[in-house]
C-alpha cells in the first residue's frame, strides 16, 4: 500500500510514478538543476533550466518554454521556495530565492499557467513546494498553489508529504512564535482539458 507521508524523496517520487504516471519517468522537468529529484527514475526526455548545469539541459525560463502546447504527458516541477531572505547565504546559494513572497507567488502562478499549456488532457503535473515564513507571517504556499491550479482547470489528484530527516539550525530561536517547517509537499495535479481559452501560445508561437 502506498501511503501519503514519506521520509525519503526517492521512495516518494517513485511512488508517485507508480500511481500516477504512464511510464517510469517524467516527460519534462523545466527547472532540472542537478536532477537529483529524478533519482530512482529515468531522466526526463525534456530538461530545461534558466542556468543549465549540464550539457543535456537546454536554457529556458519555465514560464515561457520553447515547446508545443499539449505536447507532454507529465511534468516534474521543483522550483525555488524561498522569499525575502536576501541574496546571499547557504540557503540562497542552494535553492535561490525571491525578494518577497508576492514575487514568489507570481512566479508560481505564471509557471502553473505554462505547465497547463504544455500538458495534454489528463496530463500530470507534480509540484514540489514548501510553506514559508515572511517576517512573522505564515505563507501557506501549498494552499496558494492549490487555488492557482484549480482556477486554471487542474484537478488536485493527490498530495504527498516529505518529512525532513534533518534541519539547518535557525539563526535565532529565543522568541519562537510558530512551529518550525520540517516537511515539503508534492501536489499531483491533472490537466482536466477544460482550459476554455485561458492560456495563450508561448513566446515562440507554439
Foldseek 3Di string as FASTA:
>chain_A
DDDFEAQDLLVNVQVCCVVQNPDQFFQEEADCEVVPSQVNGDDHVAAEHCDDPDPVHHHDQLLFDPDAFQATQEYEYEAAAAECPDCDDDNCVVHNYYPHVVVVLVSLLSNLLSVLGRHHAQGKYKYKYFWDQDPNDTGHVVVSSVVSNVVQAKDFDDKHKHFYPDDDDDPDDPDDDDDDTGIMMITIITRNVPRVPVHAHGPVRD
